[in-house]
PDB file of all heavy atoms in Angstrom:
ATOM      1  N   PRO A   1      14.185   7.610   4.775  1.00  0.00           N
ATOM      2  CA  PRO A   1      13.457   8.490   3.846  1.00  0.00           C
ATOM      3  C   PRO A   1      12.024   8.655   4.203  1.00  0.00           C
ATOM      4  O   PRO A   1      11.276   7.702   4.585  1.00  0.00           O
ATOM      5  CB  PRO A   1      13.668   7.763   2.492  1.00  0.00           C
ATOM      6  CG  PRO A   1      13.788   6.323   2.832  1.00  0.00           C
ATOM      7  CD  PRO A   1      14.479   6.241   4.131  1.00  0.00           C
ATOM      8  N   ALA A   2      11.530   9.923   4.185  1.00  0.00           N
ATOM      9  CA  ALA A   2      10.224  10.259   4.577  1.00  0.00           C
ATOM     10  C   ALA A   2       9.082   9.467   3.803  1.00  0.00           C
ATOM     11  O   ALA A   2       8.044   9.115   4.322  1.00  0.00           O
ATOM     12  CB  ALA A   2       9.982  11.765   4.443  1.00  0.00           C
ATOM     13  N   ASP A   3       9.425   9.106   2.518  1.00  0.00           N
ATOM     14  CA  ASP A   3       8.379   8.444   1.722  1.00  0.00           C
ATOM     15  C   ASP A   3       8.156   6.980   2.165  1.00  0.00           C
ATOM     16  O   ASP A   3       7.174   6.409   1.744  1.00  0.00           O
ATOM     17  CB  ASP A   3       8.826   8.466   0.269  1.00  0.00           C
ATOM     18  CG  ASP A   3       8.434   9.827  -0.379  1.00  0.00           C
ATOM     19  OD1 ASP A   3       7.629  10.500   0.215  1.00  0.00           O
ATOM     20  OD2 ASP A   3       8.937  10.099  -1.456  1.00  0.00           O
ATOM     21  N   ASP A   4       9.005   6.446   3.014  1.00  0.00           N
ATOM     22  CA  ASP A   4       8.738   5.132   3.564  1.00  0.00           C
ATOM     23  C   ASP A   4       7.496   5.091   4.441  1.00  0.00           C
ATOM     24  O   ASP A   4       6.858   4.059   4.688  1.00  0.00           O
ATOM     25  CB  ASP A   4       9.884   4.680   4.505  1.00  0.00           C
ATOM     26  CG  ASP A   4      11.119   4.221   3.662  1.00  0.00           C
ATOM     27  OD1 ASP A   4      11.099   4.208   2.485  1.00  0.00           O
ATOM     28  OD2 ASP A   4      12.149   3.747   4.361  1.00  0.00           O
ATOM     29  N   PHE A   5       7.016   6.287   4.865  1.00  0.00           N
ATOM     30  CA  PHE A   5       5.873   6.455   5.716  1.00  0.00           C
ATOM     31  C   PHE A   5       4.599   6.803   4.867  1.00  0.00           C
ATOM     32  O   PHE A   5       3.529   6.969   5.509  1.00  0.00           O
ATOM     33  CB  PHE A   5       6.065   7.494   6.750  1.00  0.00           C
ATOM     34  CG  PHE A   5       7.176   7.196   7.759  1.00  0.00           C
ATOM     35  CD1 PHE A   5       8.551   7.380   7.417  1.00  0.00           C
ATOM     36  CD2 PHE A   5       6.897   6.643   8.949  1.00  0.00           C
ATOM     37  CE1 PHE A   5       9.524   7.137   8.357  1.00  0.00           C
ATOM     38  CE2 PHE A   5       7.930   6.310   9.935  1.00  0.00           C
ATOM     39  CZ  PHE A   5       9.206   6.547   9.636  1.00  0.00           C
ATOM     40  N   ARG A   6       4.733   7.012   3.608  1.00  0.00           N
ATOM     41  CA  ARG A   6       3.621   7.511   2.855  1.00  0.00           C
ATOM     42  C   ARG A   6       3.039   6.467   1.912  1.00  0.00           C
ATOM     43  O   ARG A   6       3.883   5.762   1.235  1.00  0.00           O
ATOM     44  CB  ARG A   6       4.016   8.777   2.057  1.00  0.00           C
ATOM     45  CG  ARG A   6       4.593   9.915   2.906  1.00  0.00           C
ATOM     46  CD  ARG A   6       4.682  11.211   2.151  1.00  0.00           C
ATOM     47  NE  ARG A   6       3.301  11.766   1.930  1.00  0.00           N
ATOM     48  CZ  ARG A   6       2.671  12.561   2.698  1.00  0.00           C
ATOM     49  NH1 ARG A   6       3.225  12.946   3.874  1.00  0.00           N
ATOM     50  NH2 ARG A   6       1.524  13.013   2.483  1.00  0.00           N
ATOM     51  N   PHE A   7       1.766   6.505   1.688  1.00  0.00           N
ATOM     52  CA  PHE A   7       1.092   5.476   0.889  1.00  0.00           C
ATOM     53  C   PHE A   7      -0.056   6.137   0.220  1.00  0.00           C
ATOM     54  O   PHE A   7      -0.661   7.124   0.624  1.00  0.00           O
ATOM     55  CB  PHE A   7       0.562   4.365   1.803  1.00  0.00           C
ATOM     56  CG  PHE A   7       1.559   3.591   2.490  1.00  0.00           C
ATOM     57  CD1 PHE A   7       1.943   3.972   3.779  1.00  0.00           C
ATOM     58  CD2 PHE A   7       2.198   2.452   1.953  1.00  0.00           C
ATOM     59  CE1 PHE A   7       2.956   3.400   4.495  1.00  0.00           C
ATOM     60  CE2 PHE A   7       3.190   1.828   2.654  1.00  0.00           C
ATOM     61  CZ  PHE A   7       3.527   2.181   3.940  1.00  0.00           C
ATOM     62  N   THR A   8      -0.291   5.618  -1.044  1.00  0.00           N
ATOM     63  CA  THR A   8      -1.415   6.056  -1.849  1.00  0.00           C
ATOM     64  C   THR A   8      -2.504   4.964  -1.655  1.00  0.00           C
ATOM     65  O   THR A   8      -2.199   3.680  -1.714  1.00  0.00           O
ATOM     66  CB  THR A   8      -1.050   6.096  -3.353  1.00  0.00           C
ATOM     67  OG1 THR A   8      -0.010   7.120  -3.515  1.00  0.00           O
ATOM     68  CG2 THR A   8      -2.213   6.497  -4.210  1.00  0.00           C
ATOM     69  N   LEU A   9      -3.794   5.395  -1.449  1.00  0.00           N
ATOM     70  CA  LEU A   9      -4.794   4.414  -1.321  1.00  0.00           C
ATOM     71  C   LEU A   9      -5.418   4.080  -2.638  1.00  0.00           C
ATOM     72  O   LEU A   9      -6.073   4.915  -3.332  1.00  0.00           O
ATOM     73  CB  LEU A   9      -5.916   4.995  -0.356  1.00  0.00           C
ATOM     74  CG  LEU A   9      -5.527   5.278   1.012  1.00  0.00           C
ATOM     75  CD1 LEU A   9      -6.677   5.679   1.836  1.00  0.00           C
ATOM     76  CD2 LEU A   9      -4.906   3.945   1.683  1.00  0.00           C
ATOM     77  N   LEU A  10      -5.184   2.847  -3.168  1.00  0.00           N
ATOM     78  CA  LEU A  10      -5.754   2.375  -4.398  1.00  0.00           C
ATOM     79  C   LEU A  10      -7.074   1.802  -4.197  1.00  0.00           C
ATOM     80  O   LEU A  10      -7.354   1.028  -3.251  1.00  0.00           O
ATOM     81  CB  LEU A  10      -4.863   1.282  -4.972  1.00  0.00           C
ATOM     82  CG  LEU A  10      -3.390   1.663  -5.245  1.00  0.00           C
ATOM     83  CD1 LEU A  10      -2.683   0.444  -5.932  1.00  0.00           C
ATOM     84  CD2 LEU A  10      -3.257   2.857  -6.130  1.00  0.00           C
ATOM     85  N   ASP A  11      -8.047   2.249  -5.003  1.00  0.00           N
ATOM     86  CA  ASP A  11      -9.400   1.883  -4.905  1.00  0.00           C
ATOM     87  C   ASP A  11      -9.567   0.466  -5.356  1.00  0.00           C
ATOM     88  O   ASP A  11      -9.262   0.097  -6.576  1.00  0.00           O
ATOM     89  CB  ASP A  11     -10.306   2.811  -5.766  1.00  0.00           C
ATOM     90  CG  ASP A  11     -11.747   2.534  -5.626  1.00  0.00           C
ATOM     91  OD1 ASP A  11     -12.149   1.593  -4.852  1.00  0.00           O
ATOM     92  OD2 ASP A  11     -12.572   3.227  -6.233  1.00  0.00           O
ATOM     93  N   ARG A  12     -10.044  -0.401  -4.455  1.00  0.00           N
ATOM     94  CA  ARG A  12     -10.307  -1.826  -4.870  1.00  0.00           C
ATOM     95  C   ARG A  12     -11.783  -2.168  -4.848  1.00  0.00           C
ATOM     96  O   ARG A  12     -12.223  -3.303  -4.751  1.00  0.00           O
ATOM     97  CB  ARG A  12      -9.524  -2.719  -3.833  1.00  0.00           C
ATOM     98  CG  ARG A  12      -7.983  -2.770  -4.063  1.00  0.00           C
ATOM     99  CD  ARG A  12      -7.522  -3.606  -5.166  1.00  0.00           C
ATOM    100  NE  ARG A  12      -6.072  -3.467  -5.468  1.00  0.00           N
ATOM    101  CZ  ARG A  12      -5.126  -4.224  -4.866  1.00  0.00           C
ATOM    102  NH1 ARG A  12      -5.487  -5.074  -3.879  1.00  0.00           N
ATOM    103  NH2 ARG A  12      -3.871  -4.059  -5.199  1.00  0.00           N
ATOM    104  N   GLY A  13     -12.642  -1.109  -4.875  1.00  0.00           N
ATOM    105  CA  GLY A  13     -14.099  -1.326  -4.919  1.00  0.00           C
ATOM    106  C   GLY A  13     -14.742  -1.220  -3.517  1.00  0.00           C
ATOM    107  O   GLY A  13     -14.243  -1.789  -2.551  1.00  0.00           O
ATOM    108  N   GLY A  14     -15.796  -0.423  -3.431  1.00  0.00           N
ATOM    109  CA  GLY A  14     -16.544  -0.227  -2.106  1.00  0.00           C
ATOM    110  C   GLY A  14     -15.611   0.427  -1.152  1.00  0.00           C
ATOM    111  O   GLY A  14     -14.991   1.481  -1.492  1.00  0.00           O
ATOM    112  N   ASP A  15     -15.524  -0.163   0.119  1.00  0.00           N
ATOM    113  CA  ASP A  15     -14.594   0.471   1.077  1.00  0.00           C
ATOM    114  C   ASP A  15     -13.267  -0.260   1.027  1.00  0.00           C
ATOM    115  O   ASP A  15     -12.461  -0.122   1.992  1.00  0.00           O
ATOM    116  CB  ASP A  15     -15.245   0.245   2.519  1.00  0.00           C
ATOM    117  CG  ASP A  15     -15.454  -1.229   2.892  1.00  0.00           C
ATOM    118  OD1 ASP A  15     -15.172  -2.169   2.061  1.00  0.00           O
ATOM    119  OD2 ASP A  15     -15.819  -1.394   4.069  1.00  0.00           O
ATOM    120  N   GLN A  16     -12.998  -0.944  -0.050  1.00  0.00           N
ATOM    121  CA  GLN A  16     -11.695  -1.813  -0.076  1.00  0.00           C
ATOM    122  C   GLN A  16     -10.619  -0.922  -0.760  1.00  0.00           C
ATOM    123  O   GLN A  16     -10.853  -0.215  -1.773  1.00  0.00           O
ATOM    124  CB  GLN A  16     -11.943  -3.040  -0.959  1.00  0.00           C
ATOM    125  CG  GLN A  16     -12.931  -4.003  -0.263  1.00  0.00           C
ATOM    126  CD  GLN A  16     -13.111  -5.278  -1.085  1.00  0.00           C
ATOM    127  OE1 GLN A  16     -12.911  -6.416  -0.576  1.00  0.00           O
ATOM    128  NE2 GLN A  16     -13.436  -5.064  -2.338  1.00  0.00           N
ATOM    129  N   VAL A  17      -9.475  -0.988  -0.128  1.00  0.00           N
ATOM    130  CA  VAL A  17      -8.284  -0.249  -0.659  1.00  0.00           C
ATOM    131  C   VAL A  17      -7.031  -1.131  -0.540  1.00  0.00           C
ATOM    132  O   VAL A  17      -6.977  -2.157   0.104  1.00  0.00           O
ATOM    133  CB  VAL A  17      -8.055   1.041   0.161  1.00  0.00           C
ATOM    134  CG1 VAL A  17      -9.176   1.913   0.125  1.00  0.00           C
ATOM    135  CG2 VAL A  17      -7.689   0.663   1.650  1.00  0.00           C
ATOM    136  N   ALA A  18      -5.923  -0.693  -1.251  1.00  0.00           N
ATOM    137  CA  ALA A  18      -4.661  -1.239  -1.122  1.00  0.00           C
ATOM    138  C   ALA A  18      -3.728  -0.041  -0.800  1.00  0.00           C
ATOM    139  O   ALA A  18      -3.935   1.005  -1.254  1.00  0.00           O
ATOM    140  CB  ALA A  18      -4.168  -1.939  -2.375  1.00  0.00           C
ATOM    141  N   LEU A  19      -2.662  -0.285   0.068  1.00  0.00           N
ATOM    142  CA  LEU A  19      -1.771   0.706   0.482  1.00  0.00           C
ATOM    143  C   LEU A  19      -0.540   0.570  -0.402  1.00  0.00           C
ATOM    144  O   LEU A  19       0.392  -0.214  -0.252  1.00  0.00           O
ATOM    145  CB  LEU A  19      -1.356   0.524   1.941  1.00  0.00           C
ATOM    146  CG  LEU A  19      -2.364   1.200   2.997  1.00  0.00           C
ATOM    147  CD1 LEU A  19      -3.648   0.492   2.960  1.00  0.00           C
ATOM    148  CD2 LEU A  19      -1.797   1.191   4.361  1.00  0.00           C
ATOM    149  N   GLN A  20      -0.484   1.423  -1.400  1.00  0.00           N
ATOM    150  CA  GLN A  20       0.658   1.455  -2.445  1.00  0.00           C
ATOM    151  C   GLN A  20       1.760   2.369  -1.919  1.00  0.00           C
ATOM    152  O   GLN A  20       1.480   3.540  -1.544  1.00  0.00           O
ATOM    153  CB  GLN A  20       0.170   2.008  -3.709  1.00  0.00           C
ATOM    154  CG  GLN A  20       1.191   2.095  -4.786  1.00  0.00           C
ATOM    155  CD  GLN A  20       0.743   2.802  -6.038  1.00  0.00           C
ATOM    156  OE1 GLN A  20       0.123   3.833  -5.901  1.00  0.00           O
ATOM    157  NE2 GLN A  20       0.923   2.219  -7.204  1.00  0.00           N
ATOM    158  N   SER A  21       2.935   1.753  -1.951  1.00  0.00           N
ATOM    159  CA  SER A  21       4.077   2.599  -1.470  1.00  0.00           C
ATOM    160  C   SER A  21       4.295   3.768  -2.395  1.00  0.00           C
ATOM    161  O   SER A  21       4.258   3.673  -3.639  1.00  0.00           O
ATOM    162  CB  SER A  21       5.345   1.678  -1.485  1.00  0.00           C
ATOM    163  OG  SER A  21       6.502   2.457  -1.284  1.00  0.00           O
ATOM    164  N   VAL A  22       4.683   4.958  -1.807  1.00  0.00           N
ATOM    165  CA  VAL A  22       4.918   6.121  -2.619  1.00  0.00           C
ATOM    166  C   VAL A  22       6.295   5.962  -3.371  1.00  0.00           C
ATOM    167  O   VAL A  22       6.455   6.315  -4.565  1.00  0.00           O
ATOM    168  CB  VAL A  22       4.873   7.354  -1.814  1.00  0.00           C
ATOM    169  CG1 VAL A  22       5.516   8.573  -2.444  1.00  0.00           C
ATOM    170  CG2 VAL A  22       3.484   7.740  -1.438  1.00  0.00           C
ATOM    171  N   ASN A  23       7.260   5.444  -2.656  1.00  0.00           N
ATOM    172  CA  ASN A  23       8.612   5.376  -3.225  1.00  0.00           C
ATOM    173  C   ASN A  23       8.884   4.031  -3.860  1.00  0.00           C
ATOM    174  O   ASN A  23       9.918   3.888  -4.537  1.00  0.00           O
ATOM    175  CB  ASN A  23       9.688   5.745  -2.259  1.00  0.00           C
ATOM    176  CG  ASN A  23       9.560   5.007  -0.884  1.00  0.00           C
ATOM    177  OD1 ASN A  23       8.619   4.265  -0.712  1.00  0.00           O
ATOM    178  ND2 ASN A  23      10.545   5.199  -0.041  1.00  0.00           N
ATOM    179  N   TYR A  24       8.053   3.087  -3.757  1.00  0.00           N
ATOM    180  CA  TYR A  24       8.094   1.799  -4.585  1.00  0.00           C
ATOM    181  C   TYR A  24       6.734   1.599  -5.077  1.00  0.00           C
ATOM    182  O   TYR A  24       6.040   0.666  -4.611  1.00  0.00           O
ATOM    183  CB  TYR A  24       8.599   0.706  -3.681  1.00  0.00           C
ATOM    184  CG  TYR A  24      10.035   0.876  -3.187  1.00  0.00           C
ATOM    185  CD1 TYR A  24      10.268   1.475  -1.991  1.00  0.00           C
ATOM    186  CD2 TYR A  24      11.096   0.517  -3.995  1.00  0.00           C
ATOM    187  CE1 TYR A  24      11.527   1.659  -1.491  1.00  0.00           C
ATOM    188  CE2 TYR A  24      12.398   0.688  -3.561  1.00  0.00           C
ATOM    189  CZ  TYR A  24      12.658   1.301  -2.356  1.00  0.00           C
ATOM    190  OH  TYR A  24      13.976   1.484  -1.926  1.00  0.00           O
ATOM    191  N   PRO A  25       6.302   2.248  -6.095  1.00  0.00           N
ATOM    192  CA  PRO A  25       4.873   2.262  -6.541  1.00  0.00           C
ATOM    193  C   PRO A  25       4.496   0.966  -7.189  1.00  0.00           C
ATOM    194  O   PRO A  25       3.241   0.772  -7.456  1.00  0.00           O
ATOM    195  CB  PRO A  25       4.726   3.446  -7.570  1.00  0.00           C
ATOM    196  CG  PRO A  25       6.109   3.682  -7.958  1.00  0.00           C
ATOM    197  CD  PRO A  25       6.981   3.364  -6.825  1.00  0.00           C
ATOM    198  N   ASP A  26       5.362   0.001  -7.405  1.00  0.00           N
ATOM    199  CA  ASP A  26       5.021  -1.289  -7.968  1.00  0.00           C
ATOM    200  C   ASP A  26       4.728  -2.323  -6.799  1.00  0.00           C
ATOM    201  O   ASP A  26       4.516  -3.437  -7.035  1.00  0.00           O
ATOM    202  CB  ASP A  26       6.089  -1.868  -8.853  1.00  0.00           C
ATOM    203  CG  ASP A  26       7.416  -1.897  -8.104  1.00  0.00           C
ATOM    204  OD1 ASP A  26       7.697  -1.258  -7.163  1.00  0.00           O
ATOM    205  OD2 ASP A  26       8.265  -2.810  -8.598  1.00  0.00           O
ATOM    206  N   ARG A  27       4.766  -1.787  -5.569  1.00  0.00           N
ATOM    207  CA  ARG A  27       4.585  -2.649  -4.424  1.00  0.00           C
ATOM    208  C   ARG A  27       3.576  -2.154  -3.470  1.00  0.00           C
ATOM    209  O   ARG A  27       3.410  -0.854  -3.305  1.00  0.00           O
ATOM    210  CB  ARG A  27       5.908  -2.766  -3.535  1.00  0.00           C
ATOM    211  CG  ARG A  27       7.070  -3.456  -4.393  1.00  0.00           C
ATOM    212  CD  ARG A  27       8.328  -3.382  -3.691  1.00  0.00           C
ATOM    213  NE  ARG A  27       9.391  -4.034  -4.395  1.00  0.00           N
ATOM    214  CZ  ARG A  27       9.989  -5.213  -4.001  1.00  0.00           C
ATOM    215  NH1 ARG A  27       9.595  -5.804  -2.896  1.00  0.00           N
ATOM    216  NH2 ARG A  27      10.913  -5.751  -4.754  1.00  0.00           N
ATOM    217  N   CYS A  28       2.814  -2.961  -2.754  1.00  0.00           N
ATOM    218  CA  CYS A  28       1.831  -2.598  -1.797  1.00  0.00           C
ATOM    219  C   CYS A  28       2.067  -3.397  -0.500  1.00  0.00           C
ATOM    220  O   CYS A  28       2.772  -4.505  -0.500  1.00  0.00           O
ATOM    221  CB  CYS A  28       0.418  -2.979  -2.307  1.00  0.00           C
ATOM    222  SG  CYS A  28      -0.100  -1.981  -3.750  1.00  0.00           S
ATOM    223  N   LEU A  29       1.474  -2.909   0.564  1.00  0.00           N
ATOM    224  CA  LEU A  29       1.485  -3.707   1.807  1.00  0.00           C
ATOM    225  C   LEU A  29       0.500  -4.922   1.576  1.00  0.00           C
ATOM    226  O   LEU A  29      -0.554  -4.769   1.131  1.00  0.00           O
ATOM    227  CB  LEU A  29       1.001  -2.870   2.933  1.00  0.00           C
ATOM    228  CG  LEU A  29       1.999  -1.780   3.471  1.00  0.00           C
ATOM    229  CD1 LEU A  29       1.411  -1.067   4.664  1.00  0.00           C
ATOM    230  CD2 LEU A  29       3.375  -2.280   3.764  1.00  0.00           C
ATOM    231  N   ARG A  30       1.008  -6.104   2.008  1.00  0.00           N
ATOM    232  CA  ARG A  30       0.208  -7.269   1.956  1.00  0.00           C
ATOM    233  C   ARG A  30       0.561  -8.127   3.139  1.00  0.00           C
ATOM    234  O   ARG A  30       1.625  -7.939   3.739  1.00  0.00           O
ATOM    235  CB  ARG A  30       0.392  -8.075   0.652  1.00  0.00           C
ATOM    236  CG  ARG A  30       1.830  -8.492   0.229  1.00  0.00           C
ATOM    237  CD  ARG A  30       2.174  -9.914   0.750  1.00  0.00           C
ATOM    238  NE  ARG A  30       1.320 -10.886   0.264  1.00  0.00           N
ATOM    239  CZ  ARG A  30       1.493 -11.743  -0.807  1.00  0.00           C
ATOM    240  NH1 ARG A  30       2.633 -11.500  -1.560  1.00  0.00           N
ATOM    241  NH2 ARG A  30       0.667 -12.687  -1.103  1.00  0.00           N
ATOM    242  N   HIS A  31      -0.328  -9.093   3.482  1.00  0.00           N
ATOM    243  CA  HIS A  31       0.053 -10.058   4.459  1.00  0.00           C
ATOM    244  C   HIS A  31       0.541 -11.333   3.838  1.00  0.00           C
ATOM    245  O   HIS A  31       0.106 -11.732   2.806  1.00  0.00           O
ATOM    246  CB  HIS A  31      -1.151 -10.341   5.460  1.00  0.00           C
ATOM    247  CG  HIS A  31      -2.278 -10.914   4.746  1.00  0.00           C
ATOM    248  ND1 HIS A  31      -2.362 -12.330   4.540  1.00  0.00           N
ATOM    249  CD2 HIS A  31      -3.496 -10.469   4.335  1.00  0.00           C
ATOM    250  CE1 HIS A  31      -3.466 -12.599   4.058  1.00  0.00           C
ATOM    251  NE2 HIS A  31      -4.156 -11.476   3.742  1.00  0.00           N
ATOM    252  N   GLN A  32       1.534 -11.981   4.486  1.00  0.00           N
ATOM    253  CA  GLN A  32       1.994 -13.260   4.053  1.00  0.00           C
ATOM    254  C   GLN A  32       2.536 -13.959   5.314  1.00  0.00           C
ATOM    255  O   GLN A  32       3.301 -13.443   6.098  1.00  0.00           O
ATOM    256  CB  GLN A  32       3.197 -13.076   3.134  1.00  0.00           C
ATOM    257  CG  GLN A  32       3.621 -14.347   2.411  1.00  0.00           C
ATOM    258  CD  GLN A  32       4.773 -14.099   1.381  1.00  0.00           C
ATOM    259  OE1 GLN A  32       5.809 -13.589   1.847  1.00  0.00           O
ATOM    260  NE2 GLN A  32       4.546 -14.429   0.179  1.00  0.00           N
ATOM    261  N   ASP A  33       1.903 -15.111   5.549  1.00  0.00           N
ATOM    262  CA  ASP A  33       2.040 -15.864   6.840  1.00  0.00           C
ATOM    263  C   ASP A  33       1.731 -14.918   8.020  1.00  0.00           C
ATOM    264  O   ASP A  33       2.319 -14.937   9.082  1.00  0.00           O
ATOM    265  CB  ASP A  33       3.532 -16.465   6.970  1.00  0.00           C
ATOM    266  CG  ASP A  33       3.829 -17.407   5.835  1.00  0.00           C
ATOM    267  OD1 ASP A  33       2.875 -18.136   5.381  1.00  0.00           O
ATOM    268  OD2 ASP A  33       4.947 -17.357   5.349  1.00  0.00           O
ATOM    269  N   PHE A  34       0.719 -14.021   7.742  1.00  0.00           N
ATOM    270  CA  PHE A  34       0.239 -13.119   8.767  1.00  0.00           C
ATOM    271  C   PHE A  34       1.233 -12.097   9.197  1.00  0.00           C
ATOM    272  O   PHE A  34       1.068 -11.293  10.185  1.00  0.00           O
ATOM    273  CB  PHE A  34      -0.308 -13.828   9.996  1.00  0.00           C
ATOM    274  CG  PHE A  34      -1.450 -14.764   9.612  1.00  0.00           C
ATOM    275  CD1 PHE A  34      -1.283 -16.125   9.900  1.00  0.00           C
ATOM    276  CD2 PHE A  34      -2.584 -14.369   8.990  1.00  0.00           C
ATOM    277  CE1 PHE A  34      -2.348 -17.043   9.524  1.00  0.00           C
ATOM    278  CE2 PHE A  34      -3.591 -15.247   8.648  1.00  0.00           C
ATOM    279  CZ  PHE A  34      -3.460 -16.611   8.880  1.00  0.00           C
ATOM    280  N   ARG A  35       2.321 -11.895   8.463  1.00  0.00           N
ATOM    281  CA  ARG A  35       3.248 -10.792   8.689  1.00  0.00           C
ATOM    282  C   ARG A  35       3.021  -9.805   7.510  1.00  0.00           C
ATOM    283  O   ARG A  35       2.674 -10.231   6.403  1.00  0.00           O
ATOM    284  CB  ARG A  35       4.749 -11.275   8.561  1.00  0.00           C
ATOM    285  CG  ARG A  35       5.735 -10.253   8.782  1.00  0.00           C
ATOM    286  CD  ARG A  35       5.947  -9.902  10.326  1.00  0.00           C
ATOM    287  NE  ARG A  35       7.180  -9.193  10.542  1.00  0.00           N
ATOM    288  CZ  ARG A  35       7.300  -7.887  10.577  1.00  0.00           C
ATOM    289  NH1 ARG A  35       6.268  -7.122  10.245  1.00  0.00           N
ATOM    290  NH2 ARG A  35       8.492  -7.346  10.805  1.00  0.00           N
TER     291      ARG A  35
END
């Protein structure tokens, strides 16, 4: 699905953002054990 490639940039203050999934809006990209 094309929305696997799309993200909304959530403002976390200053130049800080979170990459929120478009098709799973309750989830963001995060690192865990550097993955």
